[in-house]
């Protein structure tokens, strides 16, 4: 069905959009902040997507509408809106209901710096998708540190990551099982969890980590401006 990927996007965003309109979960007062937090990290990921579509991965014409911007199906561009929106809604619900607890994980911050040289190594031996995903984990770590959001030290963040992994298994599992998306296995380790390349998990975590860091940063800045 040519609109299957489009329907996928609508399903992903429909729940958060509906529940975010209810009094108990209302999130639309953060709409501007949400859009900025979604749009800025989307830029490098969309550029990456544009350059590697047709090599690192392909979109099955059976499941997309055929409408393209540059060389990306419109559904793929919507992915960078619907998935981050759903995950930021999830993060906001966690924050409202669970108290922050700081973890002493400076060693983990330091360890994640190694994802950059590891990414460069894998890229240099032709495993470019592997290399890029590791490099973007490094970038997400730097963004979290630079913005002083320190999600890496927040216990709630690990529950959030667990939910992201579960969402990836469900939704990305659907995209790779149909398959809406197919891969050039020569650019990756070709190690899969069910039908999902392990790199997809790093890809999603790095994107959503950046979205969430920026969202938290902007909310803090908005709060400071309101106080002043």
N, C-alpha and C. Protein backbone atom coordinates (compact mmCIF):
# COMPACT_ATOMS: atom_id res chain seq x y z
N UNK A 1 0.86 -1.19 0.00
CA UNK A 1 0.00 0.00 0.00
C UNK A 1 0.89 1.24 0.00
N UNK A 2 0.73 2.11 -1.00
CA UNK A 2 1.63 3.24 -1.20
C UNK A 2 1.64 4.25 -0.06
N UNK A 3 0.61 4.27 0.77
CA UNK A 3 0.55 5.26 1.84
C UNK A 3 0.86 4.65 3.21
N UNK A 4 1.48 3.48 3.21
CA UNK A 4 1.73 2.78 4.46
C UNK A 4 2.68 3.54 5.38
N UNK A 5 3.76 4.12 4.82
CA UNK A 5 4.70 4.87 5.64
C UNK A 5 4.04 6.16 6.16
N UNK A 6 3.17 6.75 5.36
CA UNK A 6 2.43 7.93 5.80
C UNK A 6 1.49 7.57 6.95
N UNK A 7 0.79 6.46 6.83
CA UNK A 7 -0.10 6.01 7.90
C UNK A 7 0.71 5.72 9.16
N UNK A 8 1.88 5.14 8.99
CA UNK A 8 2.79 4.90 10.12
C UNK A 8 3.05 6.20 10.89
N UNK A 9 3.37 7.27 10.17
CA UNK A 9 3.63 8.56 10.82
C UNK A 9 2.40 9.08 11.56
N UNK A 10 1.24 8.91 10.96
CA UNK A 10 0.00 9.38 11.59
C UNK A 10 -0.29 8.59 12.87
N UNK A 11 -0.02 7.30 12.85
CA UNK A 11 -0.23 6.48 14.04
C UNK A 11 0.72 6.91 15.16
N UNK A 12 1.99 7.14 14.80
CA UNK A 12 3.00 7.52 15.80
C UNK A 12 2.61 8.80 16.52
N UNK A 13 2.10 9.79 15.78
CA UNK A 13 1.83 11.10 16.39
C UNK A 13 0.42 11.21 16.97
N UNK A 14 -0.48 10.33 16.56
CA UNK A 14 -1.89 10.50 16.95
C UNK A 14 -2.10 10.36 18.45
N UNK A 15 -1.46 9.36 19.07
CA UNK A 15 -1.63 9.16 20.52
C UNK A 15 -1.14 10.35 21.32
N UNK A 16 0.14 10.77 21.15
CA UNK A 16 0.63 11.94 21.88
C UNK A 16 -0.16 13.21 21.58
N UNK A 17 -0.60 13.40 20.33
CA UNK A 17 -1.37 14.59 20.00
C UNK A 17 -2.71 14.60 20.72
N UNK A 18 -3.34 13.43 20.80
CA UNK A 18 -4.64 13.34 21.48
C UNK A 18 -4.47 13.51 22.99
N UNK A 19 -3.61 12.69 23.58
CA UNK A 19 -3.45 12.75 25.04
C UNK A 19 -2.83 14.07 25.49
N UNK A 20 -2.01 14.67 24.61
CA UNK A 20 -1.43 15.97 24.93
C UNK A 20 -2.43 17.10 24.93
N UNK A 21 -3.63 16.82 24.45
CA UNK A 21 -4.71 17.81 24.46
C UNK A 21 -5.57 17.71 25.71
N UNK A 22 -5.40 16.62 26.46
CA UNK A 22 -6.19 16.43 27.67
C UNK A 22 -5.59 17.23 28.83
N UNK A 23 -6.43 17.59 29.76
CA UNK A 23 -5.98 18.42 30.88
C UNK A 23 -4.85 17.76 31.66
N UNK A 24 -4.92 16.47 31.87
CA UNK A 24 -3.94 15.76 32.68
C UNK A 24 -2.57 15.68 32.02
N UNK A 25 -2.54 15.79 30.71
CA UNK A 25 -1.29 15.61 29.95
C UNK A 25 -1.00 16.78 29.01
N UNK A 26 -1.64 17.92 29.25
CA UNK A 26 -1.61 19.01 28.28
C UNK A 26 -0.17 19.44 27.97
N UNK A 27 0.13 19.54 26.68
CA UNK A 27 1.50 19.86 26.27
C UNK A 27 1.54 20.97 25.21
N UNK A 28 0.39 21.38 24.70
CA UNK A 28 0.38 22.32 23.58
C UNK A 28 0.87 23.71 23.96
N UNK A 29 0.90 24.03 25.25
CA UNK A 29 1.46 25.33 25.64
C UNK A 29 2.97 25.37 25.41
N UNK A 30 3.58 24.21 25.16
CA UNK A 30 5.01 24.13 24.84
C UNK A 30 5.24 23.98 23.33
N UNK A 31 4.23 24.26 22.52
CA UNK A 31 4.33 23.95 21.09
C UNK A 31 5.54 24.61 20.43
N UNK A 32 5.77 25.90 20.67
CA UNK A 32 6.91 26.59 20.05
C UNK A 32 8.22 25.93 20.46
N UNK A 33 8.34 25.64 21.75
CA UNK A 33 9.55 24.99 22.25
C UNK A 33 9.73 23.61 21.64
N UNK A 34 8.65 22.87 21.52
CA UNK A 34 8.69 21.55 20.90
C UNK A 34 9.17 21.63 19.46
N UNK A 35 8.63 22.58 18.71
CA UNK A 35 8.99 22.70 17.30
C UNK A 35 10.46 23.05 17.12
N UNK A 36 10.97 23.94 17.97
CA UNK A 36 12.40 24.30 17.87
C UNK A 36 13.26 23.11 18.24
N UNK A 37 12.88 22.41 19.33
CA UNK A 37 13.66 21.26 19.78
C UNK A 37 13.64 20.12 18.77
N UNK A 38 12.60 20.05 17.97
CA UNK A 38 12.51 19.04 16.91
C UNK A 38 13.28 19.48 15.67
N UNK A 39 13.14 20.76 15.30
CA UNK A 39 13.65 21.23 14.01
C UNK A 39 15.18 21.30 13.96
N UNK A 40 15.81 21.80 15.02
CA UNK A 40 17.26 22.01 14.96
C UNK A 40 18.03 20.70 14.83
N UNK A 41 17.79 19.69 15.68
CA UNK A 41 18.50 18.42 15.47
C UNK A 41 18.15 17.73 14.16
N UNK A 42 16.95 18.01 13.63
CA UNK A 42 16.55 17.37 12.37
C UNK A 42 17.45 17.77 11.21
N UNK A 43 18.04 18.96 11.27
CA UNK A 43 18.83 19.46 10.13
C UNK A 43 20.00 18.55 9.79
N UNK A 44 20.90 18.23 10.75
CA UNK A 44 22.02 17.33 10.37
C UNK A 44 21.55 15.93 9.99
N UNK A 45 20.47 15.45 10.62
CA UNK A 45 19.98 14.12 10.29
C UNK A 45 19.37 14.08 8.89
N UNK A 46 18.66 15.13 8.51
CA UNK A 46 18.10 15.18 7.16
C UNK A 46 19.19 15.30 6.11
N UNK A 47 20.22 16.08 6.39
CA UNK A 47 21.35 16.18 5.46
C UNK A 47 22.01 14.81 5.29
N UNK A 48 22.23 14.15 6.40
CA UNK A 48 22.76 12.78 6.38
C UNK A 48 21.87 11.89 5.52
N UNK A 49 20.57 11.95 5.76
CA UNK A 49 19.59 11.13 5.04
C UNK A 49 19.64 11.39 3.53
N UNK A 50 19.72 12.66 3.17
CA UNK A 50 19.76 13.04 1.75
C UNK A 50 20.97 12.43 1.05
N UNK A 51 22.11 12.48 1.71
CA UNK A 51 23.36 12.02 1.09
C UNK A 51 23.46 10.50 0.99
N UNK A 52 22.82 9.75 1.90
CA UNK A 52 23.02 8.30 1.91
C UNK A 52 21.84 7.50 1.37
N UNK A 53 20.68 8.17 1.16
CA UNK A 53 19.55 7.44 0.57
C UNK A 53 19.94 6.95 -0.83
N UNK A 54 19.73 5.70 -1.06
CA UNK A 54 20.15 5.08 -2.31
C UNK A 54 21.42 4.28 -2.17
N UNK A 55 22.11 4.44 -1.02
CA UNK A 55 23.31 3.64 -0.75
C UNK A 55 23.16 2.93 0.61
N UNK A 56 23.21 3.72 1.69
CA UNK A 56 23.10 3.12 3.03
C UNK A 56 21.72 2.51 3.25
N UNK A 57 20.69 3.15 2.70
CA UNK A 57 19.34 2.60 2.80
C UNK A 57 18.51 3.04 1.61
N UNK A 58 17.41 2.33 1.41
CA UNK A 58 16.50 2.58 0.29
C UNK A 58 15.07 2.53 0.82
N UNK A 59 14.19 3.27 0.16
CA UNK A 59 12.78 3.28 0.53
C UNK A 59 11.99 2.51 -0.52
N UNK A 60 11.27 1.51 -0.07
CA UNK A 60 10.54 0.62 -0.95
C UNK A 60 9.37 1.39 -1.58
N UNK A 61 9.36 1.53 -2.91
CA UNK A 61 8.29 2.30 -3.56
C UNK A 61 6.89 1.72 -3.35
N UNK A 62 6.80 0.47 -2.90
CA UNK A 62 5.49 -0.13 -2.61
C UNK A 62 4.78 0.56 -1.45
N UNK A 63 5.56 1.17 -0.55
CA UNK A 63 5.01 1.65 0.72
C UNK A 63 5.10 3.16 0.91
N UNK A 64 5.54 3.88 -0.10
CA UNK A 64 5.60 5.34 0.00
C UNK A 64 4.78 5.97 -1.12
N UNK A 65 4.36 7.20 -0.89
CA UNK A 65 3.43 7.86 -1.81
C UNK A 65 4.07 8.26 -3.13
N UNK A 66 5.38 8.40 -3.16
CA UNK A 66 6.07 8.87 -4.36
C UNK A 66 6.33 10.36 -4.35
N UNK A 67 5.78 11.08 -3.37
CA UNK A 67 6.04 12.52 -3.23
C UNK A 67 7.40 12.69 -2.57
N UNK A 68 8.29 13.44 -3.22
CA UNK A 68 9.64 13.61 -2.70
C UNK A 68 10.02 15.07 -2.58
N UNK A 69 10.86 15.36 -1.59
CA UNK A 69 11.53 16.65 -1.47
C UNK A 69 13.01 16.36 -1.54
N UNK A 70 13.67 16.95 -2.53
CA UNK A 70 15.03 16.56 -2.94
C UNK A 70 14.94 15.08 -3.30
N UNK A 71 15.62 14.16 -2.57
CA UNK A 71 15.47 12.75 -2.93
C UNK A 71 14.84 11.95 -1.81
N UNK A 72 14.20 12.65 -0.84
CA UNK A 72 13.59 11.96 0.29
C UNK A 72 12.07 11.89 0.14
N UNK A 73 11.49 10.71 0.39
CA UNK A 73 10.03 10.64 0.45
C UNK A 73 9.50 11.59 1.51
N UNK A 74 8.36 12.20 1.27
CA UNK A 74 7.78 13.13 2.24
C UNK A 74 7.55 12.43 3.58
N UNK A 75 7.29 11.12 3.53
CA UNK A 75 7.07 10.37 4.77
C UNK A 75 8.33 10.31 5.63
N UNK A 76 9.49 10.25 4.99
CA UNK A 76 10.75 10.21 5.74
C UNK A 76 11.00 11.53 6.44
N UNK A 77 10.65 12.63 5.80
CA UNK A 77 10.80 13.94 6.43
C UNK A 77 9.84 14.06 7.62
N UNK A 78 8.62 13.56 7.45
CA UNK A 78 7.65 13.58 8.55
C UNK A 78 8.13 12.74 9.74
N UNK A 79 8.91 11.71 9.46
CA UNK A 79 9.47 10.86 10.52
C UNK A 79 10.23 11.70 11.55
N UNK A 80 10.94 12.74 11.08
CA UNK A 80 11.75 13.58 11.96
C UNK A 80 10.90 14.60 12.74
N UNK A 81 9.61 14.57 12.48
CA UNK A 81 8.66 15.39 13.26
C UNK A 81 7.86 14.50 14.19
N UNK A 82 7.27 13.45 13.64
CA UNK A 82 6.33 12.63 14.40
C UNK A 82 7.02 11.85 15.53
N UNK A 83 8.15 11.23 15.22
CA UNK A 83 8.84 10.41 16.23
C UNK A 83 9.40 11.28 17.36
N UNK A 84 10.13 12.37 17.06
CA UNK A 84 10.58 13.23 18.17
C UNK A 84 9.43 13.82 18.98
N UNK A 85 8.34 14.21 18.32
CA UNK A 85 7.19 14.74 19.06
C UNK A 85 6.67 13.71 20.04
N UNK A 86 6.50 12.48 19.58
CA UNK A 86 5.98 11.42 20.44
C UNK A 86 6.92 11.17 21.62
N UNK A 87 8.22 11.20 21.35
CA UNK A 87 9.19 10.92 22.41
C UNK A 87 9.32 12.09 23.38
N UNK A 88 9.26 13.31 22.89
CA UNK A 88 9.30 14.47 23.79
C UNK A 88 8.05 14.52 24.66
N UNK A 89 6.92 14.15 24.12
CA UNK A 89 5.71 14.03 24.93
C UNK A 89 5.92 13.01 26.05
N UNK A 90 6.51 11.87 25.69
CA UNK A 90 6.80 10.83 26.68
C UNK A 90 7.74 11.35 27.76
N UNK A 91 8.79 12.08 27.35
CA UNK A 91 9.74 12.64 28.32
C UNK A 91 9.03 13.61 29.26
N UNK A 92 8.19 14.46 28.72
CA UNK A 92 7.49 15.45 29.54
C UNK A 92 6.59 14.76 30.56
N UNK A 93 5.95 13.67 30.16
CA UNK A 93 5.09 12.95 31.09
C UNK A 93 5.92 12.29 32.21
N UNK A 94 7.11 11.80 31.87
CA UNK A 94 8.00 11.22 32.88
C UNK A 94 8.43 12.29 33.87
N UNK A 95 8.85 13.44 33.34
CA UNK A 95 9.35 14.53 34.19
C UNK A 95 8.27 15.01 35.16
N UNK A 96 7.02 15.05 34.70
CA UNK A 96 5.93 15.53 35.56
C UNK A 96 5.59 14.56 36.69
N UNK A 97 5.93 13.32 36.51
CA UNK A 97 5.47 12.30 37.46
C UNK A 97 6.58 11.65 38.29
N UNK A 98 7.83 11.84 37.87
CA UNK A 98 8.94 11.19 38.57
C UNK A 98 9.94 12.25 39.00
N UNK A 99 10.36 12.20 40.25
CA UNK A 99 11.32 13.17 40.76
C UNK A 99 12.71 12.91 40.18
N UNK A 100 13.43 13.99 39.96
CA UNK A 100 14.79 13.88 39.43
C UNK A 100 15.71 13.28 40.48
N UNK A 101 16.57 12.38 40.06
CA UNK A 101 17.61 11.82 40.92
C UNK A 101 18.91 11.82 40.15
N UNK A 102 19.91 12.51 40.67
CA UNK A 102 21.19 12.65 39.99
C UNK A 102 22.08 11.44 40.24
N UNK A 103 22.67 10.93 39.18
CA UNK A 103 23.58 9.79 39.26
C UNK A 103 25.01 10.25 39.04
N UNK A 104 25.94 9.63 39.71
CA UNK A 104 27.36 9.96 39.54
C UNK A 104 27.92 9.12 38.40
N UNK A 105 27.83 9.65 37.19
CA UNK A 105 28.23 8.90 36.00
C UNK A 105 29.22 9.68 35.14
N UNK A 106 30.14 10.39 35.79
CA UNK A 106 31.15 11.13 35.03
C UNK A 106 31.98 10.19 34.16
N UNK A 107 32.19 8.97 34.65
CA UNK A 107 32.96 8.00 33.88
C UNK A 107 32.27 7.67 32.56
N UNK A 108 30.94 7.65 32.57
CA UNK A 108 30.20 7.33 31.35
C UNK A 108 30.33 8.45 30.33
N UNK A 109 30.28 9.70 30.82
CA UNK A 109 30.49 10.84 29.93
C UNK A 109 31.84 10.71 29.23
N UNK A 110 32.87 10.40 30.01
CA UNK A 110 34.22 10.25 29.46
C UNK A 110 34.29 9.08 28.48
N UNK A 111 33.66 7.97 28.85
CA UNK A 111 33.68 6.79 27.99
C UNK A 111 33.03 7.09 26.63
N UNK A 112 31.96 7.87 26.64
CA UNK A 112 31.24 8.16 25.39
C UNK A 112 32.04 9.05 24.44
N UNK A 113 33.08 9.72 24.96
CA UNK A 113 33.97 10.46 24.05
C UNK A 113 34.64 9.50 23.07
N UNK A 114 34.78 8.25 23.46
CA UNK A 114 35.45 7.27 22.61
C UNK A 114 34.62 6.87 21.40
N UNK A 115 33.33 7.25 21.41
CA UNK A 115 32.50 6.90 20.25
C UNK A 115 32.94 7.65 19.00
N UNK A 116 33.59 8.80 19.16
CA UNK A 116 34.07 9.52 17.97
C UNK A 116 35.23 8.78 17.30
N UNK A 117 36.33 8.46 18.00
CA UNK A 117 37.38 7.70 17.31
C UNK A 117 36.90 6.35 16.81
N UNK A 118 35.98 5.71 17.56
CA UNK A 118 35.43 4.44 17.10
C UNK A 118 34.64 4.65 15.80
N UNK A 119 33.87 5.74 15.76
CA UNK A 119 33.10 6.05 14.56
C UNK A 119 34.00 6.33 13.37
N UNK A 120 35.07 7.07 13.58
CA UNK A 120 36.02 7.37 12.51
C UNK A 120 36.65 6.08 11.99
N UNK A 121 36.98 5.18 12.91
CA UNK A 121 37.58 3.89 12.50
C UNK A 121 36.62 3.11 11.61
N UNK A 122 35.38 2.92 12.07
CA UNK A 122 34.43 2.13 11.28
C UNK A 122 34.14 2.79 9.94
N UNK A 123 34.07 4.12 9.93
CA UNK A 123 33.85 4.83 8.68
C UNK A 123 35.00 4.56 7.71
N UNK A 124 36.22 4.54 8.24
CA UNK A 124 37.42 4.38 7.40
C UNK A 124 37.52 3.00 6.78
N UNK A 125 36.87 1.99 7.39
CA UNK A 125 36.94 0.63 6.84
C UNK A 125 35.69 0.30 6.02
N UNK A 126 34.90 1.32 5.72
CA UNK A 126 33.75 1.13 4.84
C UNK A 126 32.43 0.89 5.54
N UNK A 127 32.45 0.76 6.87
CA UNK A 127 31.20 0.60 7.62
C UNK A 127 30.70 2.00 7.98
N UNK A 128 30.26 2.71 6.95
CA UNK A 128 29.97 4.14 7.11
C UNK A 128 28.74 4.40 7.98
N UNK A 129 27.73 3.55 7.86
CA UNK A 129 26.53 3.76 8.70
C UNK A 129 26.89 3.54 10.17
N UNK A 130 27.66 2.52 10.45
CA UNK A 130 28.13 2.27 11.81
C UNK A 130 28.92 3.47 12.32
N UNK A 131 29.86 3.93 11.50
CA UNK A 131 30.71 5.06 11.89
C UNK A 131 29.93 6.33 12.16
N UNK A 132 28.94 6.61 11.33
CA UNK A 132 28.15 7.83 11.50
C UNK A 132 27.27 7.76 12.75
N UNK A 133 26.68 6.60 13.01
CA UNK A 133 25.83 6.51 14.20
C UNK A 133 26.65 6.68 15.47
N UNK A 134 27.84 6.10 15.52
CA UNK A 134 28.70 6.27 16.70
C UNK A 134 29.14 7.72 16.84
N UNK A 135 29.44 8.37 15.73
CA UNK A 135 29.86 9.78 15.76
C UNK A 135 28.73 10.68 16.24
N UNK A 136 27.49 10.33 15.89
CA UNK A 136 26.35 11.13 16.33
C UNK A 136 26.02 10.88 17.80
N UNK A 137 26.35 9.70 18.33
CA UNK A 137 26.24 9.50 19.78
C UNK A 137 27.21 10.44 20.48
N UNK A 138 28.42 10.56 19.94
CA UNK A 138 29.41 11.52 20.48
C UNK A 138 28.84 12.93 20.44
N UNK A 139 28.23 13.31 19.32
CA UNK A 139 27.67 14.65 19.19
C UNK A 139 26.56 14.89 20.20
N UNK A 140 25.68 13.90 20.40
CA UNK A 140 24.60 14.04 21.37
C UNK A 140 25.15 14.22 22.78
N UNK A 141 26.21 13.50 23.09
CA UNK A 141 26.87 13.62 24.39
C UNK A 141 27.43 15.03 24.59
N UNK A 142 28.03 15.58 23.54
CA UNK A 142 28.59 16.93 23.60
C UNK A 142 27.48 17.98 23.75
N UNK A 143 26.39 17.80 23.02
CA UNK A 143 25.26 18.74 23.12
C UNK A 143 24.72 18.74 24.55
N UNK A 144 24.54 17.56 25.12
CA UNK A 144 24.04 17.43 26.49
C UNK A 144 24.97 18.14 27.48
N UNK A 145 26.27 18.02 27.26
CA UNK A 145 27.24 18.67 28.14
C UNK A 145 27.29 20.17 27.90
N UNK A 146 27.32 20.59 26.64
CA UNK A 146 27.42 22.01 26.29
C UNK A 146 26.22 22.80 26.78
N UNK A 147 25.02 22.22 26.64
CA UNK A 147 23.79 22.91 27.08
C UNK A 147 23.57 22.79 28.58
N UNK A 148 24.40 22.00 29.24
CA UNK A 148 24.32 21.78 30.69
C UNK A 148 22.96 21.18 31.09
N UNK A 149 22.42 20.37 30.20
CA UNK A 149 21.17 19.68 30.52
C UNK A 149 21.45 18.40 31.31
N UNK A 150 22.61 17.81 31.09
CA UNK A 150 23.09 16.67 31.89
C UNK A 150 22.06 15.56 32.03
N UNK A 151 21.42 15.25 30.93
CA UNK A 151 20.49 14.12 30.94
C UNK A 151 21.20 12.83 31.29
N UNK A 152 22.45 12.74 30.93
CA UNK A 152 23.23 11.54 31.19
C UNK A 152 23.31 11.22 32.68
N UNK A 153 23.13 12.23 33.53
CA UNK A 153 23.22 12.05 34.98
C UNK A 153 21.86 11.98 35.66
N UNK A 154 20.79 11.95 34.87
CA UNK A 154 19.43 11.95 35.39
C UNK A 154 18.88 10.53 35.31
N UNK A 155 18.51 9.98 36.45
CA UNK A 155 18.02 8.60 36.49
C UNK A 155 16.81 8.41 35.58
N UNK A 156 15.97 9.42 35.46
CA UNK A 156 14.77 9.33 34.63
C UNK A 156 15.12 9.10 33.17
N UNK A 157 16.28 9.60 32.77
CA UNK A 157 16.70 9.49 31.37
C UNK A 157 16.87 8.03 30.96
N UNK A 158 17.25 7.17 31.89
CA UNK A 158 17.48 5.77 31.55
C UNK A 158 16.17 5.00 31.40
N UNK A 159 15.16 5.41 32.15
CA UNK A 159 13.82 4.86 31.92
C UNK A 159 13.32 5.31 30.54
N UNK A 160 13.59 6.56 30.23
CA UNK A 160 13.23 7.13 28.92
C UNK A 160 13.93 6.37 27.80
N UNK A 161 15.22 6.08 27.96
CA UNK A 161 15.97 5.33 26.95
C UNK A 161 15.39 3.93 26.78
N UNK A 162 14.98 3.32 27.89
CA UNK A 162 14.36 1.99 27.80
C UNK A 162 13.10 2.05 26.96
N UNK A 163 12.30 3.10 27.17
CA UNK A 163 11.08 3.26 26.36
C UNK A 163 11.42 3.49 24.89
N UNK A 164 12.49 4.26 24.63
CA UNK A 164 12.91 4.50 23.24
C UNK A 164 13.29 3.18 22.57
N UNK A 165 14.01 2.31 23.30
CA UNK A 165 14.39 1.01 22.75
C UNK A 165 13.14 0.18 22.45
N UNK A 166 12.17 0.21 23.36
CA UNK A 166 10.92 -0.53 23.14
C UNK A 166 10.17 0.03 21.93
N UNK A 167 10.09 1.36 21.84
CA UNK A 167 9.43 1.98 20.68
C UNK A 167 10.14 1.61 19.38
N UNK A 168 11.48 1.57 19.44
CA UNK A 168 12.26 1.21 18.25
C UNK A 168 11.95 -0.22 17.83
N UNK A 169 11.88 -1.11 18.80
CA UNK A 169 11.56 -2.51 18.48
C UNK A 169 10.19 -2.63 17.82
N UNK A 170 9.23 -1.82 18.28
CA UNK A 170 7.87 -1.89 17.72
C UNK A 170 7.80 -1.20 16.36
N UNK A 171 8.15 0.08 16.34
CA UNK A 171 7.91 0.89 15.14
C UNK A 171 8.98 0.69 14.07
N UNK A 172 10.24 0.71 14.47
CA UNK A 172 11.28 0.46 13.48
C UNK A 172 11.23 -1.00 13.04
N UNK A 173 10.82 -1.86 13.98
CA UNK A 173 10.64 -3.26 13.61
C UNK A 173 9.63 -3.42 12.49
N UNK A 174 8.56 -2.64 12.54
CA UNK A 174 7.56 -2.67 11.47
C UNK A 174 8.16 -2.20 10.15
N UNK A 175 8.90 -1.08 10.19
CA UNK A 175 9.47 -0.51 8.96
C UNK A 175 10.46 -1.46 8.30
N UNK A 176 11.21 -2.21 9.10
CA UNK A 176 12.21 -3.11 8.53
C UNK A 176 11.64 -4.49 8.21
N UNK A 177 10.53 -4.84 8.85
CA UNK A 177 9.92 -6.13 8.59
C UNK A 177 9.11 -6.12 7.30
N UNK A 178 8.44 -5.04 6.97
CA UNK A 178 7.54 -5.01 5.81
C UNK A 178 8.23 -5.38 4.49
N UNK A 179 9.31 -4.87 4.01
CA UNK A 179 10.13 -3.79 4.55
C UNK A 179 9.85 -2.47 3.85
N UNK A 180 9.55 -1.43 4.62
CA UNK A 180 9.46 -0.08 4.06
C UNK A 180 10.86 0.44 3.76
N UNK A 181 11.81 0.09 4.63
CA UNK A 181 13.21 0.50 4.47
C UNK A 181 14.07 -0.74 4.30
N UNK A 182 14.96 -0.72 3.31
CA UNK A 182 15.96 -1.77 3.14
C UNK A 182 17.35 -1.14 3.22
N UNK A 183 18.36 -1.97 3.48
CA UNK A 183 19.68 -1.44 3.79
C UNK A 183 20.76 -2.00 2.87
N UNK A 184 21.79 -1.19 2.66
CA UNK A 184 23.01 -1.66 2.04
C UNK A 184 23.88 -2.25 3.14
N UNK A 185 23.88 -3.57 3.26
CA UNK A 185 24.52 -4.21 4.42
C UNK A 185 26.02 -4.00 4.43
N UNK A 186 26.61 -3.66 3.29
CA UNK A 186 28.06 -3.45 3.26
C UNK A 186 28.49 -2.22 4.04
N UNK A 187 27.54 -1.33 4.36
CA UNK A 187 27.86 -0.09 5.08
C UNK A 187 27.64 -0.21 6.59
N UNK A 188 27.28 -1.40 7.06
CA UNK A 188 26.97 -1.59 8.47
C UNK A 188 27.56 -2.91 8.95
N UNK A 189 27.43 -3.18 10.25
CA UNK A 189 27.95 -4.42 10.81
C UNK A 189 27.11 -5.63 10.39
N UNK A 190 25.89 -5.38 9.94
CA UNK A 190 24.92 -6.42 9.56
C UNK A 190 24.62 -7.33 10.75
N UNK A 191 24.56 -6.73 11.94
CA UNK A 191 24.09 -7.42 13.14
C UNK A 191 22.70 -6.86 13.45
N UNK A 192 21.73 -7.73 13.50
CA UNK A 192 20.35 -7.27 13.65
C UNK A 192 19.70 -7.82 14.91
N UNK A 193 18.84 -7.00 15.48
CA UNK A 193 17.97 -7.43 16.56
C UNK A 193 16.60 -7.62 15.94
N UNK A 194 16.21 -8.85 15.77
CA UNK A 194 15.05 -9.26 14.95
C UNK A 194 15.36 -8.79 13.52
N UNK A 195 14.66 -7.78 13.01
CA UNK A 195 14.94 -7.29 11.65
C UNK A 195 15.64 -5.94 11.64
N UNK A 196 15.99 -5.42 12.82
CA UNK A 196 16.48 -4.05 12.94
C UNK A 196 18.00 -4.03 13.04
N UNK A 197 18.71 -3.34 12.15
CA UNK A 197 20.15 -3.18 12.31
C UNK A 197 20.49 -2.51 13.63
N UNK A 198 21.51 -2.99 14.31
CA UNK A 198 21.86 -2.43 15.62
C UNK A 198 22.15 -0.94 15.51
N UNK A 199 22.62 -0.49 14.35
CA UNK A 199 22.91 0.93 14.14
C UNK A 199 21.66 1.79 14.26
N UNK A 200 20.50 1.22 13.93
CA UNK A 200 19.26 2.00 14.03
C UNK A 200 18.97 2.43 15.47
N UNK A 201 19.38 1.60 16.42
CA UNK A 201 19.17 1.96 17.83
C UNK A 201 20.06 3.17 18.19
N UNK A 202 21.32 3.15 17.74
CA UNK A 202 22.22 4.29 18.00
C UNK A 202 21.70 5.55 17.30
N UNK A 203 21.20 5.36 16.09
CA UNK A 203 20.65 6.47 15.31
C UNK A 203 19.50 7.13 16.07
N UNK A 204 18.55 6.31 16.53
CA UNK A 204 17.40 6.85 17.23
C UNK A 204 17.77 7.49 18.56
N UNK A 205 18.65 6.85 19.30
CA UNK A 205 19.05 7.39 20.59
C UNK A 205 19.75 8.73 20.42
N UNK A 206 20.64 8.85 19.46
CA UNK A 206 21.36 10.11 19.27
C UNK A 206 20.41 11.23 18.85
N UNK A 207 19.47 10.93 17.94
CA UNK A 207 18.49 11.94 17.54
C UNK A 207 17.64 12.40 18.72
N UNK A 208 17.09 11.46 19.44
CA UNK A 208 16.15 11.79 20.52
C UNK A 208 16.86 12.37 21.73
N UNK A 209 18.10 11.99 21.95
CA UNK A 209 18.89 12.59 23.01
C UNK A 209 19.09 14.08 22.73
N UNK A 210 19.42 14.40 21.46
CA UNK A 210 19.60 15.81 21.09
C UNK A 210 18.28 16.58 21.19
N UNK A 211 17.19 15.98 20.70
CA UNK A 211 15.87 16.62 20.82
C UNK A 211 15.55 16.94 22.27
N UNK A 212 15.79 15.97 23.14
CA UNK A 212 15.41 16.11 24.54
C UNK A 212 16.32 17.09 25.27
N UNK A 213 17.60 17.08 24.96
CA UNK A 213 18.53 18.05 25.55
C UNK A 213 18.11 19.47 25.20
N UNK A 214 17.80 19.68 23.93
CA UNK A 214 17.41 21.02 23.49
C UNK A 214 16.06 21.42 24.10
N UNK A 215 15.14 20.49 24.20
CA UNK A 215 13.84 20.75 24.80
C UNK A 215 14.00 21.18 26.26
N UNK A 216 14.81 20.43 27.01
CA UNK A 216 15.04 20.76 28.41
C UNK A 216 15.73 22.12 28.55
N UNK A 217 16.69 22.38 27.68
CA UNK A 217 17.41 23.66 27.70
C UNK A 217 16.47 24.84 27.44
N UNK A 218 15.62 24.70 26.44
CA UNK A 218 14.70 25.78 26.08
C UNK A 218 13.65 26.01 27.17
N UNK A 219 13.17 24.94 27.77
CA UNK A 219 12.22 25.10 28.88
C UNK A 219 12.87 25.84 30.05
N UNK A 220 14.12 25.52 30.32
CA UNK A 220 14.84 26.20 31.40
C UNK A 220 15.01 27.68 31.09
N UNK A 221 15.37 27.98 29.85
CA UNK A 221 15.55 29.39 29.45
C UNK A 221 14.23 30.14 29.53
N UNK A 222 13.16 29.51 29.09
CA UNK A 222 11.83 30.14 29.16
C UNK A 222 11.44 30.42 30.60
N UNK A 223 11.75 29.47 31.48
CA UNK A 223 11.44 29.64 32.90
C UNK A 223 12.24 30.80 33.49
N UNK A 224 13.51 30.91 33.12
CA UNK A 224 14.35 32.00 33.62
C UNK A 224 13.85 33.35 33.14
N UNK A 225 13.39 33.40 31.89
CA UNK A 225 12.87 34.67 31.34
C UNK A 225 11.58 35.06 32.04
N UNK A 226 10.72 34.07 32.34
CA UNK A 226 9.47 34.37 33.03
C UNK A 226 9.69 34.87 34.45
N UNK A 227 10.71 34.32 35.10
CA UNK A 227 11.03 34.74 36.47
C UNK A 227 11.57 36.16 36.49
N UNK A 228 12.44 36.48 35.51
CA UNK A 228 13.04 37.82 35.44
C UNK A 228 12.01 38.86 34.96
